[in-house]
Amino acid sequence: MRTHAAIRALGEASEALAQSDDETEEPPAYLYWVDAGELQVMESRVYTDLRRPLRAVPLLRDVLSGYDATHTREMALYLS
C-alpha cells in the first residue's frame, strides 16, 4: 500500500512538473526550485526508502552525471 502511494505521488509530481512547462498558465510558486533533475533525486530517495536500490541508483547516477563542481553540496549529500 505504501509503495503504491509513493509511486503514485511520484507520477503526480512528474505530471505537475510537465504541466508547469506549459507557458499558457502560471506555474505554482512551489515549483521555483524543482526541475527534472531535482525530481529525479526525489524519486531516487523514495526508492531508497522503499528499499529498492536497483531503481534508485540509476536515477541518482544519471542526475549526478550532469552536476559540475558548483554542486559540491548536492554531490556530497546525494553520494552519501
N, C-alpha and C. Protein backbone atom coordinates (compact mmCIF):
# COMPACT_ATOMS: atom_id res chain seq x y z
N MET A 1 0.84 -1.19 0.00
CA MET A 1 0.00 0.00 0.00
C MET A 1 0.88 1.26 0.00
N ARG A 2 1.85 1.29 0.89
CA ARG A 2 2.75 2.45 1.00
C ARG A 2 3.53 2.63 -0.30
N THR A 3 3.95 1.52 -0.89
CA THR A 3 4.72 1.57 -2.13
C THR A 3 3.88 2.17 -3.24
N HIS A 4 2.65 1.72 -3.37
CA HIS A 4 1.78 2.23 -4.43
C HIS A 4 1.51 3.72 -4.26
N ALA A 5 1.31 4.16 -3.04
CA ALA A 5 1.06 5.58 -2.79
C ALA A 5 2.27 6.42 -3.16
N ALA A 6 3.46 5.93 -2.83
CA ALA A 6 4.68 6.66 -3.14
C ALA A 6 4.89 6.74 -4.65
N ILE A 7 4.69 5.64 -5.34
CA ILE A 7 4.86 5.63 -6.79
C ILE A 7 3.83 6.54 -7.45
N ARG A 8 2.62 6.51 -6.95
CA ARG A 8 1.56 7.38 -7.49
C ARG A 8 1.93 8.86 -7.28
N ALA A 9 2.46 9.18 -6.11
CA ALA A 9 2.86 10.56 -5.82
C ALA A 9 3.98 11.02 -6.75
N LEU A 10 4.91 10.12 -7.05
CA LEU A 10 5.98 10.47 -8.00
C LEU A 10 5.40 10.77 -9.37
N GLY A 11 4.45 9.97 -9.79
CA GLY A 11 3.80 10.21 -11.09
C GLY A 11 3.07 11.54 -11.11
N GLU A 12 2.37 11.86 -10.04
CA GLU A 12 1.66 13.13 -9.95
C GLU A 12 2.63 14.31 -9.97
N ALA A 13 3.75 14.16 -9.28
CA ALA A 13 4.76 15.23 -9.27
C ALA A 13 5.35 15.42 -10.66
N SER A 14 5.58 14.33 -11.35
CA SER A 14 6.11 14.42 -12.71
C SER A 14 5.12 15.12 -13.63
N GLU A 15 3.85 14.78 -13.50
CA GLU A 15 2.81 15.43 -14.30
C GLU A 15 2.73 16.93 -13.99
N ALA A 16 2.80 17.28 -12.72
CA ALA A 16 2.74 18.69 -12.33
C ALA A 16 3.92 19.46 -12.90
N LEU A 17 5.09 18.84 -12.86
CA LEU A 17 6.27 19.49 -13.41
C LEU A 17 6.14 19.67 -14.91
N ALA A 18 5.63 18.65 -15.59
CA ALA A 18 5.45 18.75 -17.05
C ALA A 18 4.43 19.84 -17.39
N GLN A 19 3.37 19.94 -16.60
CA GLN A 19 2.37 20.97 -16.85
C GLN A 19 2.92 22.36 -16.59
N SER A 20 3.88 22.47 -15.67
CA SER A 20 4.45 23.78 -15.38
C SER A 20 5.29 24.28 -16.54
N ASP A 21 5.72 23.37 -17.42
CA ASP A 21 6.47 23.77 -18.61
C ASP A 21 5.58 24.40 -19.66
N ASP A 22 4.27 24.19 -19.51
CA ASP A 22 3.30 24.79 -20.42
C ASP A 22 3.22 26.28 -20.12
N GLU A 23 3.62 27.10 -21.06
CA GLU A 23 3.72 28.54 -20.82
C GLU A 23 2.38 29.26 -20.86
N THR A 24 1.29 28.54 -21.03
CA THR A 24 0.00 29.21 -21.11
C THR A 24 -0.55 29.61 -19.75
N GLU A 25 -0.02 29.02 -18.70
CA GLU A 25 -0.50 29.40 -17.37
C GLU A 25 0.67 29.52 -16.40
N GLU A 26 0.46 30.26 -15.35
CA GLU A 26 1.47 30.50 -14.32
C GLU A 26 1.70 29.23 -13.51
N PRO A 27 2.96 28.77 -13.37
CA PRO A 27 3.22 27.57 -12.56
C PRO A 27 3.04 27.86 -11.07
N PRO A 28 2.74 26.85 -10.29
CA PRO A 28 2.62 27.07 -8.84
C PRO A 28 3.94 27.60 -8.26
N ALA A 29 3.85 28.45 -7.27
CA ALA A 29 5.04 29.08 -6.69
C ALA A 29 6.04 28.07 -6.14
N TYR A 30 5.56 26.94 -5.64
CA TYR A 30 6.46 25.96 -5.05
C TYR A 30 7.36 25.28 -6.07
N LEU A 31 7.10 25.47 -7.35
CA LEU A 31 7.92 24.83 -8.37
C LEU A 31 9.15 25.65 -8.75
N TYR A 32 9.39 26.78 -8.10
CA TYR A 32 10.51 27.62 -8.49
C TYR A 32 11.85 26.92 -8.33
N TRP A 33 11.97 25.96 -7.45
CA TRP A 33 13.25 25.28 -7.23
C TRP A 33 13.27 23.84 -7.73
N VAL A 34 12.16 23.37 -8.26
CA VAL A 34 12.09 21.99 -8.73
C VAL A 34 12.24 21.96 -10.25
N ASP A 35 13.18 21.15 -10.70
CA ASP A 35 13.31 20.88 -12.13
C ASP A 35 13.35 19.37 -12.31
N ALA A 36 13.54 18.92 -13.52
CA ALA A 36 13.53 17.48 -13.78
C ALA A 36 14.60 16.75 -12.99
N GLY A 37 15.77 17.36 -12.83
CA GLY A 37 16.85 16.74 -12.07
C GLY A 37 16.51 16.60 -10.60
N GLU A 38 15.94 17.64 -10.03
CA GLU A 38 15.56 17.59 -8.61
C GLU A 38 14.48 16.54 -8.39
N LEU A 39 13.54 16.44 -9.31
CA LEU A 39 12.50 15.41 -9.19
C LEU A 39 13.13 14.02 -9.27
N GLN A 40 14.13 13.87 -10.12
CA GLN A 40 14.81 12.58 -10.23
C GLN A 40 15.51 12.22 -8.92
N VAL A 41 16.11 13.21 -8.27
CA VAL A 41 16.73 12.97 -6.96
C VAL A 41 15.67 12.54 -5.96
N MET A 42 14.52 13.21 -5.98
CA MET A 42 13.44 12.84 -5.07
C MET A 42 12.95 11.41 -5.34
N GLU A 43 12.84 11.06 -6.62
CA GLU A 43 12.45 9.69 -6.97
C GLU A 43 13.44 8.69 -6.40
N SER A 44 14.70 9.00 -6.54
CA SER A 44 15.74 8.12 -6.03
C SER A 44 15.63 7.95 -4.52
N ARG A 45 15.34 9.04 -3.83
CA ARG A 45 15.19 8.97 -2.37
C ARG A 45 13.98 8.12 -1.99
N VAL A 46 12.90 8.24 -2.75
CA VAL A 46 11.71 7.42 -2.47
C VAL A 46 12.05 5.95 -2.65
N TYR A 47 12.69 5.61 -3.76
CA TYR A 47 13.05 4.22 -3.99
C TYR A 47 14.03 3.69 -2.95
N THR A 48 14.91 4.55 -2.47
CA THR A 48 15.82 4.14 -1.40
C THR A 48 15.04 3.83 -0.14
N ASP A 49 14.10 4.70 0.20
CA ASP A 49 13.27 4.48 1.39
C ASP A 49 12.42 3.22 1.25
N LEU A 50 12.01 2.91 0.03
CA LEU A 50 11.22 1.71 -0.22
C LEU A 50 12.09 0.46 -0.35
N ARG A 51 13.37 0.62 -0.12
CA ARG A 51 14.36 -0.47 -0.20
C ARG A 51 14.39 -1.08 -1.60
N ARG A 52 14.44 -0.20 -2.59
CA ARG A 52 14.54 -0.61 -3.98
C ARG A 52 15.76 0.04 -4.63
N PRO A 53 16.95 -0.35 -4.17
CA PRO A 53 18.17 0.31 -4.67
C PRO A 53 18.40 0.12 -6.17
N LEU A 54 17.92 -0.97 -6.74
CA LEU A 54 18.13 -1.18 -8.17
C LEU A 54 17.37 -0.16 -9.02
N ARG A 55 16.37 0.46 -8.44
CA ARG A 55 15.66 1.54 -9.14
C ARG A 55 16.24 2.89 -8.77
N ALA A 56 16.75 3.02 -7.54
CA ALA A 56 17.27 4.30 -7.06
C ALA A 56 18.62 4.67 -7.67
N VAL A 57 19.53 3.71 -7.70
CA VAL A 57 20.91 4.01 -8.11
C VAL A 57 21.01 4.56 -9.53
N PRO A 58 20.38 3.95 -10.53
CA PRO A 58 20.49 4.52 -11.89
C PRO A 58 19.94 5.95 -12.00
N LEU A 59 18.85 6.22 -11.31
CA LEU A 59 18.29 7.57 -11.33
C LEU A 59 19.28 8.57 -10.75
N LEU A 60 19.86 8.22 -9.62
CA LEU A 60 20.81 9.12 -8.96
C LEU A 60 22.08 9.28 -9.79
N ARG A 61 22.58 8.21 -10.34
CA ARG A 61 23.78 8.31 -11.20
C ARG A 61 23.53 9.22 -12.38
N ASP A 62 22.36 9.08 -12.98
CA ASP A 62 22.03 9.90 -14.14
C ASP A 62 22.01 11.38 -13.81
N VAL A 63 21.34 11.75 -12.75
CA VAL A 63 21.25 13.17 -12.41
C VAL A 63 22.60 13.72 -11.94
N LEU A 64 23.36 12.92 -11.20
CA LEU A 64 24.66 13.39 -10.72
C LEU A 64 25.67 13.54 -11.85
N SER A 65 25.50 12.81 -12.92
CA SER A 65 26.43 12.92 -14.05
C SER A 65 26.35 14.30 -14.71
N GLY A 66 25.25 15.00 -14.50
CA GLY A 66 25.09 16.34 -15.05
C GLY A 66 25.57 17.45 -14.14
N TYR A 67 25.97 17.11 -12.93
CA TYR A 67 26.42 18.12 -11.98
C TYR A 67 27.89 18.45 -12.20
N ASP A 68 28.25 19.72 -12.01
CA ASP A 68 29.65 20.12 -12.11
C ASP A 68 30.16 20.53 -10.73
N ALA A 69 31.33 21.13 -10.67
CA ALA A 69 31.98 21.46 -9.40
C ALA A 69 31.19 22.47 -8.57
N THR A 70 30.26 23.18 -9.17
CA THR A 70 29.47 24.15 -8.40
C THR A 70 28.40 23.47 -7.56
N HIS A 71 28.21 22.17 -7.74
CA HIS A 71 27.20 21.41 -7.00
C HIS A 71 27.84 20.56 -5.89
N THR A 72 28.84 21.10 -5.23
CA THR A 72 29.59 20.35 -4.21
C THR A 72 28.68 19.84 -3.11
N ARG A 73 27.80 20.68 -2.61
CA ARG A 73 26.91 20.28 -1.52
C ARG A 73 26.01 19.12 -1.94
N GLU A 74 25.39 19.26 -3.12
CA GLU A 74 24.49 18.22 -3.61
C GLU A 74 25.24 16.91 -3.83
N MET A 75 26.43 17.00 -4.42
CA MET A 75 27.21 15.80 -4.67
C MET A 75 27.53 15.08 -3.36
N ALA A 76 27.98 15.83 -2.36
CA ALA A 76 28.31 15.22 -1.07
C ALA A 76 27.07 14.58 -0.43
N LEU A 77 25.96 15.28 -0.49
CA LEU A 77 24.74 14.78 0.11
C LEU A 77 24.22 13.54 -0.61
N TYR A 78 24.12 13.60 -1.92
CA TYR A 78 23.50 12.51 -2.66
C TYR A 78 24.40 11.30 -2.85
N LEU A 79 25.72 11.47 -2.74
CA LEU A 79 26.62 10.34 -2.84
C LEU A 79 26.76 9.57 -1.52
N SER A 80 26.26 10.17 -0.44
CA SER A 80 26.43 9.51 0.87
C SER A 80 25.41 8.45 1.15
